[in-house]
Amino acid sequence: MTELDLDRVYTKLCHTLGELGEGAAAGMLSRFALLAMLEIGDADKIEALIERAALST
């Protein structure tokens, strides 16, 4: 994925979350995370990503 692709899809995610509103955003992110996990298909990689994401909070 190029930097331009990453910017495009991250912007899409942010706009979608904004359109859904705060109440629905958490549910959408949960569904997105599950779909992404299925696409990644590697439990060890997913666990490492969860740990990396938790460090930035």
PDB file of N, CA and C in Angstrom:
ATOM      1  N   MET A   1       0.851  -1.168   0.000  1.00  0.00           N
ATOM      2  CA  MET A   1       0.000   0.000   0.000  1.00  0.00           C
ATOM      3  C   MET A   1       0.899   1.235   0.000  1.00  0.00           C
ATOM      4  N   THR A   2       0.594   2.147  -0.882  1.00  0.00           N
ATOM      5  CA  THR A   2       1.381   3.375  -0.948  1.00  0.00           C
ATOM      6  C   THR A   2       0.931   4.347   0.147  1.00  0.00           C
ATOM      7  N   GLU A   3       1.735   5.371   0.350  1.00  0.00           N
ATOM      8  CA  GLU A   3       1.375   6.403   1.328  1.00  0.00           C
ATOM      9  C   GLU A   3       0.075   7.093   0.920  1.00  0.00           C
ATOM     10  N   LEU A   4      -0.102   7.291  -0.371  1.00  0.00           N
ATOM     11  CA  LEU A   4      -1.333   7.906  -0.878  1.00  0.00           C
ATOM     12  C   LEU A   4      -2.542   7.004  -0.623  1.00  0.00           C
ATOM     13  N   ASP A   5      -2.378   5.702  -0.839  1.00  0.00           N
ATOM     14  CA  ASP A   5      -3.455   4.750  -0.543  1.00  0.00           C
ATOM     15  C   ASP A   5      -3.822   4.789   0.936  1.00  0.00           C
ATOM     16  N   LEU A   6      -2.800   4.779   1.791  1.00  0.00           N
ATOM     17  CA  LEU A   6      -3.037   4.809   3.235  1.00  0.00           C
ATOM     18  C   LEU A   6      -3.789   6.070   3.634  1.00  0.00           C
ATOM     19  N   ASP A   7      -3.384   7.202   3.085  1.00  0.00           N
ATOM     20  CA  ASP A   7      -4.065   8.463   3.384  1.00  0.00           C
ATOM     21  C   ASP A   7      -5.519   8.411   2.921  1.00  0.00           C
ATOM     22  N   ARG A   8      -5.749   7.857   1.750  1.00  0.00           N
ATOM     23  CA  ARG A   8      -7.109   7.778   1.202  1.00  0.00           C
ATOM     24  C   ARG A   8      -8.013   6.917   2.074  1.00  0.00           C
ATOM     25  N   VAL A   9      -7.541   5.733   2.464  1.00  0.00           N
ATOM     26  CA  VAL A   9      -8.409   4.847   3.237  1.00  0.00           C
ATOM     27  C   VAL A   9      -8.572   5.319   4.679  1.00  0.00           C
ATOM     28  N   TYR A  10      -7.534   5.945   5.247  1.00  0.00           N
ATOM     29  CA  TYR A  10      -7.670   6.480   6.604  1.00  0.00           C
ATOM     30  C   TYR A  10      -8.662   7.642   6.607  1.00  0.00           C
ATOM     31  N   THR A  11      -8.601   8.474   5.583  1.00  0.00           N
ATOM     32  CA  THR A  11      -9.556   9.578   5.456  1.00  0.00           C
ATOM     33  C   THR A  11     -10.975   9.034   5.315  1.00  0.00           C
ATOM     34  N   LYS A  12     -11.143   7.974   4.531  1.00  0.00           N
ATOM     35  CA  LYS A  12     -12.465   7.339   4.379  1.00  0.00           C
ATOM     36  C   LYS A  12     -12.976   6.832   5.720  1.00  0.00           C
ATOM     37  N   LEU A  13     -12.095   6.190   6.487  1.00  0.00           N
ATOM     38  CA  LEU A  13     -12.478   5.696   7.811  1.00  0.00           C
ATOM     39  C   LEU A  13     -12.912   6.849   8.712  1.00  0.00           C
ATOM     40  N   CYS A  14     -12.133   7.902   8.747  1.00  0.00           N
ATOM     41  CA  CYS A  14     -12.461   9.054   9.606  1.00  0.00           C
ATOM     42  C   CYS A  14     -13.781   9.698   9.205  1.00  0.00           C
ATOM     43  N   HIS A  15     -14.006   9.869   7.909  1.00  0.00           N
ATOM     44  CA  HIS A  15     -15.260  10.472   7.447  1.00  0.00           C
ATOM     45  C   HIS A  15     -16.451   9.576   7.778  1.00  0.00           C
ATOM     46  N   THR A  16     -16.276   8.277   7.598  1.00  0.00           N
ATOM     47  CA  THR A  16     -17.357   7.339   7.901  1.00  0.00           C
ATOM     48  C   THR A  16     -17.704   7.379   9.384  1.00  0.00           C
ATOM     49  N   LEU A  17     -16.688   7.389  10.238  1.00  0.00           N
ATOM     50  CA  LEU A  17     -16.930   7.468  11.683  1.00  0.00           C
ATOM     51  C   LEU A  17     -17.647   8.766  12.039  1.00  0.00           C
ATOM     52  N   GLY A  18     -17.243   9.861  11.420  1.00  0.00           N
ATOM     53  CA  GLY A  18     -17.891  11.143  11.667  1.00  0.00           C
ATOM     54  C   GLY A  18     -19.350  11.144  11.247  1.00  0.00           C
ATOM     55  N   GLU A  19     -19.639  10.529  10.107  1.00  0.00           N
ATOM     56  CA  GLU A  19     -21.015  10.457   9.623  1.00  0.00           C
ATOM     57  C   GLU A  19     -21.889   9.589  10.525  1.00  0.00           C
ATOM     58  N   LEU A  20     -21.312   8.518  11.065  1.00  0.00           N
ATOM     59  CA  LEU A  20     -22.075   7.626  11.940  1.00  0.00           C
ATOM     60  C   LEU A  20     -22.387   8.264  13.286  1.00  0.00           C
ATOM     61  N   GLY A  21     -21.507   9.116  13.750  1.00  0.00           N
ATOM     62  CA  GLY A  21     -21.676   9.725  15.062  1.00  0.00           C
ATOM     63  C   GLY A  21     -21.041   8.878  16.142  1.00  0.00           C
ATOM     64  N   GLU A  22     -20.842   9.499  17.287  1.00  0.00           N
ATOM     65  CA  GLU A  22     -20.126   8.860  18.389  1.00  0.00           C
ATOM     66  C   GLU A  22     -20.788   7.567  18.855  1.00  0.00           C
ATOM     67  N   GLY A  23     -22.103   7.542  18.873  1.00  0.00           N
ATOM     68  CA  GLY A  23     -22.811   6.364  19.372  1.00  0.00           C
ATOM     69  C   GLY A  23     -22.592   5.115  18.538  1.00  0.00           C
ATOM     70  N   ALA A  24     -22.533   5.263  17.226  1.00  0.00           N
ATOM     71  CA  ALA A  24     -22.387   4.106  16.341  1.00  0.00           C
ATOM     72  C   ALA A  24     -20.936   3.821  15.966  1.00  0.00           C
ATOM     73  N   ALA A  25     -20.037   4.761  16.233  1.00  0.00           N
ATOM     74  CA  ALA A  25     -18.643   4.615  15.806  1.00  0.00           C
ATOM     75  C   ALA A  25     -17.955   3.419  16.459  1.00  0.00           C
ATOM     76  N   ALA A  26     -18.191   3.195  17.736  1.00  0.00           N
ATOM     77  CA  ALA A  26     -17.531   2.080  18.431  1.00  0.00           C
ATOM     78  C   ALA A  26     -17.954   0.739  17.837  1.00  0.00           C
ATOM     79  N   GLY A  27     -19.221   0.594  17.535  1.00  0.00           N
ATOM     80  CA  GLY A  27     -19.704  -0.641  16.927  1.00  0.00           C
ATOM     81  C   GLY A  27     -19.126  -0.860  15.540  1.00  0.00           C
ATOM     82  N   MET A  28     -19.045   0.212  14.761  1.00  0.00           N
ATOM     83  CA  MET A  28     -18.472   0.103  13.423  1.00  0.00           C
ATOM     84  C   MET A  28     -17.005  -0.282  13.509  1.00  0.00           C
ATOM     85  N   LEU A  29     -16.257   0.325  14.441  1.00  0.00           N
ATOM     86  CA  LEU A  29     -14.843  -0.018  14.603  1.00  0.00           C
ATOM     87  C   LEU A  29     -14.666  -1.469  15.033  1.00  0.00           C
ATOM     88  N   SER A  30     -15.560  -1.954  15.871  1.00  0.00           N
ATOM     89  CA  SER A  30     -15.503  -3.361  16.285  1.00  0.00           C
ATOM     90  C   SER A  30     -15.728  -4.287  15.100  1.00  0.00           C
ATOM     91  N   ARG A  31     -16.726  -3.982  14.287  1.00  0.00           N
ATOM     92  CA  ARG A  31     -16.993  -4.802  13.103  1.00  0.00           C
ATOM     93  C   ARG A  31     -15.831  -4.729  12.122  1.00  0.00           C
ATOM     94  N   PHE A  32     -15.279  -3.528  11.950  1.00  0.00           N
ATOM     95  CA  PHE A  32     -14.131  -3.361  11.055  1.00  0.00           C
ATOM     96  C   PHE A  32     -12.940  -4.176  11.549  1.00  0.00           C
ATOM     97  N   ALA A  33     -12.695  -4.150  12.859  1.00  0.00           N
ATOM     98  CA  ALA A  33     -11.579  -4.915  13.427  1.00  0.00           C
ATOM     99  C   ALA A  33     -11.756  -6.406  13.165  1.00  0.00           C
ATOM    100  N   LEU A  34     -12.961  -6.920  13.353  1.00  0.00           N
ATOM    101  CA  LEU A  34     -13.211  -8.341  13.092  1.00  0.00           C
ATOM    102  C   LEU A  34     -12.991  -8.692  11.622  1.00  0.00           C
ATOM    103  N   LEU A  35     -13.478  -7.840  10.730  1.00  0.00           N
ATOM    104  CA  LEU A  35     -13.273  -8.084   9.300  1.00  0.00           C
ATOM    105  C   LEU A  35     -11.792  -8.039   8.941  1.00  0.00           C
ATOM    106  N   ALA A  36     -11.062  -7.080   9.517  1.00  0.00           N
ATOM    107  CA  ALA A  36      -9.624  -6.976   9.257  1.00  0.00           C
ATOM    108  C   ALA A  36      -8.890  -8.209   9.775  1.00  0.00           C
ATOM    109  N   MET A  37      -9.280  -8.701  10.948  1.00  0.00           N
ATOM    110  CA  MET A  37      -8.655  -9.910  11.499  1.00  0.00           C
ATOM    111  C   MET A  37      -8.850 -11.097  10.560  1.00  0.00           C
ATOM    112  N   LEU A  38     -10.052 -11.225  10.014  1.00  0.00           N
ATOM    113  CA  LEU A  38     -10.322 -12.316   9.077  1.00  0.00           C
ATOM    114  C   LEU A  38      -9.471 -12.188   7.819  1.00  0.00           C
ATOM    115  N   GLU A  39      -9.290 -10.964   7.338  1.00  0.00           N
ATOM    116  CA  GLU A  39      -8.464 -10.740   6.151  1.00  0.00           C
ATOM    117  C   GLU A  39      -6.992 -11.013   6.430  1.00  0.00           C
ATOM    118  N   ILE A  40      -6.509 -10.599   7.603  1.00  0.00           N
ATOM    119  CA  ILE A  40      -5.104 -10.821   7.962  1.00  0.00           C
ATOM    120  C   ILE A  40      -4.844 -12.312   8.104  1.00  0.00           C
ATOM    121  N   GLY A  41      -5.719 -13.003   8.815  1.00  0.00           N
ATOM    122  CA  GLY A  41      -5.663 -14.447   8.903  1.00  0.00           C
ATOM    123  C   GLY A  41      -4.479 -15.038   9.646  1.00  0.00           C
ATOM    124  N   ASP A  42      -3.817 -14.255  10.483  1.00  0.00           N
ATOM    125  CA  ASP A  42      -2.637 -14.736  11.222  1.00  0.00           C
ATOM    126  C   ASP A  42      -2.774 -14.269  12.666  1.00  0.00           C
ATOM    127  N   ALA A  43      -3.110 -15.203  13.572  1.00  0.00           N
ATOM    128  CA  ALA A  43      -3.398 -14.845  14.965  1.00  0.00           C
ATOM    129  C   ALA A  43      -2.212 -14.170  15.646  1.00  0.00           C
ATOM    130  N   ASP A  44      -0.992 -14.644  15.398  1.00  0.00           N
ATOM    131  CA  ASP A  44       0.182 -14.033  16.027  1.00  0.00           C
ATOM    132  C   ASP A  44       0.368 -12.595  15.567  1.00  0.00           C
ATOM    133  N   LYS A  45       0.189 -12.351  14.275  1.00  0.00           N
ATOM    134  CA  LYS A  45       0.316 -10.992  13.740  1.00  0.00           C
ATOM    135  C   LYS A  45      -0.765 -10.084  14.327  1.00  0.00           C
ATOM    136  N   ILE A  46      -1.979 -10.606  14.449  1.00  0.00           N
ATOM    137  CA  ILE A  46      -3.083  -9.819  14.999  1.00  0.00           C
ATOM    138  C   ILE A  46      -2.805  -9.457  16.453  1.00  0.00           C
ATOM    139  N   GLU A  47      -2.323 -10.416  17.240  1.00  0.00           N
ATOM    140  CA  GLU A  47      -1.992 -10.122  18.640  1.00  0.00           C
ATOM    141  C   GLU A  47      -0.913  -9.051  18.730  1.00  0.00           C
ATOM    142  N   ALA A  48       0.093  -9.113  17.868  1.00  0.00           N
ATOM    143  CA  ALA A  48       1.153  -8.102  17.863  1.00  0.00           C
ATOM    144  C   ALA A  48       0.596  -6.728  17.497  1.00  0.00           C
ATOM    145  N   LEU A  49      -0.319  -6.682  16.549  1.00  0.00           N
ATOM    146  CA  LEU A  49      -0.935  -5.412  16.167  1.00  0.00           C
ATOM    147  C   LEU A  49      -1.778  -4.836  17.300  1.00  0.00           C
ATOM    148  N   ILE A  50      -2.497  -5.696  18.009  1.00  0.00           N
ATOM    149  CA  ILE A  50      -3.291  -5.240  19.159  1.00  0.00           C
ATOM    150  C   ILE A  50      -2.375  -4.622  20.205  1.00  0.00           C
ATOM    151  N   GLU A  51      -1.264  -5.276  20.481  1.00  0.00           N
ATOM    152  CA  GLU A  51      -0.310  -4.749  21.461  1.00  0.00           C
ATOM    153  C   GLU A  51       0.270  -3.416  21.002  1.00  0.00           C
ATOM    154  N   ARG A  52       0.625  -3.300  19.717  1.00  0.00           N
ATOM    155  CA  ARG A  52       1.154  -2.028  19.196  1.00  0.00           C
ATOM    156  C   ARG A  52       0.125  -0.916  19.301  1.00  0.00           C
ATOM    157  N   ALA A  53      -1.118  -1.233  18.976  1.00  0.00           N
ATOM    158  CA  ALA A  53      -2.177  -0.225  19.040  1.00  0.00           C
ATOM    159  C   ALA A  53      -2.416   0.228  20.471  1.00  0.00           C
ATOM    160  N   ALA A  54      -2.330  -0.688  21.426  1.00  0.00           N
ATOM    161  CA  ALA A  54      -2.555  -0.344  22.833  1.00  0.00           C
ATOM    162  C   ALA A  54      -1.454   0.561  23.366  1.00  0.00           C
ATOM    163  N   LEU A  55      -0.248   0.443  22.835  1.00  0.00           N
ATOM    164  CA  LEU A  55       0.860   1.284  23.290  1.00  0.00           C
ATOM    165  C   LEU A  55       0.660   2.746  22.922  1.00  0.00           C
ATOM    166  N   SER A  56      -0.089   3.010  21.866  1.00  0.00           N
ATOM    167  CA  SER A  56      -0.249   4.386  21.401  1.00  0.00           C
ATOM    168  C   SER A  56      -1.455   5.080  22.015  1.00  0.00           C
ATOM    169  N   THR A  57      -2.080   4.463  23.032  1.00  0.00           N
ATOM    170  CA  THR A  57      -3.250   5.100  23.653  1.00  0.00           C
ATOM    171  C   THR A  57      -2.864   5.806  24.924  1.00  0.00           C
TER     172      THR A  57
END
